Amino acid sequence: MKVAVLGSGSRGNAVAVRARGATLLVDAGFGPRALIRRAMEAGIALEPLVGIVLTHEHGDHVRGVPALARKYGLPVWLTRGTWRMLRDNDMPDVRHCDGHRAFSVDDLEVTPFTVPHDAREPCQYVFADGARRLGVITDTGRMTPHIIDCLDRCDALLLECNHDAQLLASGPYPAILKQRVGGPFGHLSNAQAGELLARLDTSRLQHLAAAHLSDSNNRPELARTALADALSCQPHWIGIADQEAGLDWREIG
């Protein structure tokens, strides 16, 4: 199993998970042309995609989903709450899931888990191929015991580090947006991500990448330091899922 990120941040998100040749997308928050370009740059052919799983309905996660699903005839897995909130939910193969029941997509077992975020019925995911586990969590306002249980003993983690609390407080956002981002249904700060990581069993962890970094309220070195302190490792070991460059394929051995 391996994972790559086509882009991560407030202007668009898409993650590719591959197992035994089959590729599944997590979100598609770029327009179809931009997504195809990013996929080509990452060496991902879209024709053999086996589907798309969605985390929630915000535009930076779903912008390209309906058009992509129609173009390639892809199944889309999403919660009923997310489906109801989509502006365009006319897709050829919609498959409802919930945050408490795993399902299979080819050789991948997909386990959604509920998270506190300001969306209708948001979830994040753990992917498994029978031997290894990949956890993806990019939009949540706080950690919960349920999140910790779901992400324990992962072999790879894509973990939200949206903002630095001090940079958010002094940054350009209006007060109401600062409250939303830093609130319990917003996004994880670097410190919160580090605290979550410190509570996990990371004994199997091979790869860790910080995701969904704010352009205005964070810096990669701050995210890396927070996670490295929690993991007691060197900061350079931690990847950054960049808004423009994404993250190259990481093989989960």
Foldseek 3Di string as FASTA:
>chain_A
DKKWWLFFAPQATWIWDDDPHEIEIEFGLDAPVSSVVSCVVQVHDLLRHAAYEYFAQDNRGHVHPQVSCAVNVHEYEYAPQRLVPHPDNPGNHYDYDAQQDWDDGVQKIWHWHFAQAPGRHGTFIWIDRPPAIEGEDAWHQADDPRNQVVPAPHQEYAFEAAAALVQLVPWDDPPVVSCRQNDRRHGHHLLRRLVSLLSHHCVNYDAAEYGHYYPRGHDLVSSLVSNCVSVVHDSVRYHYQHRRNGGHMDDRD
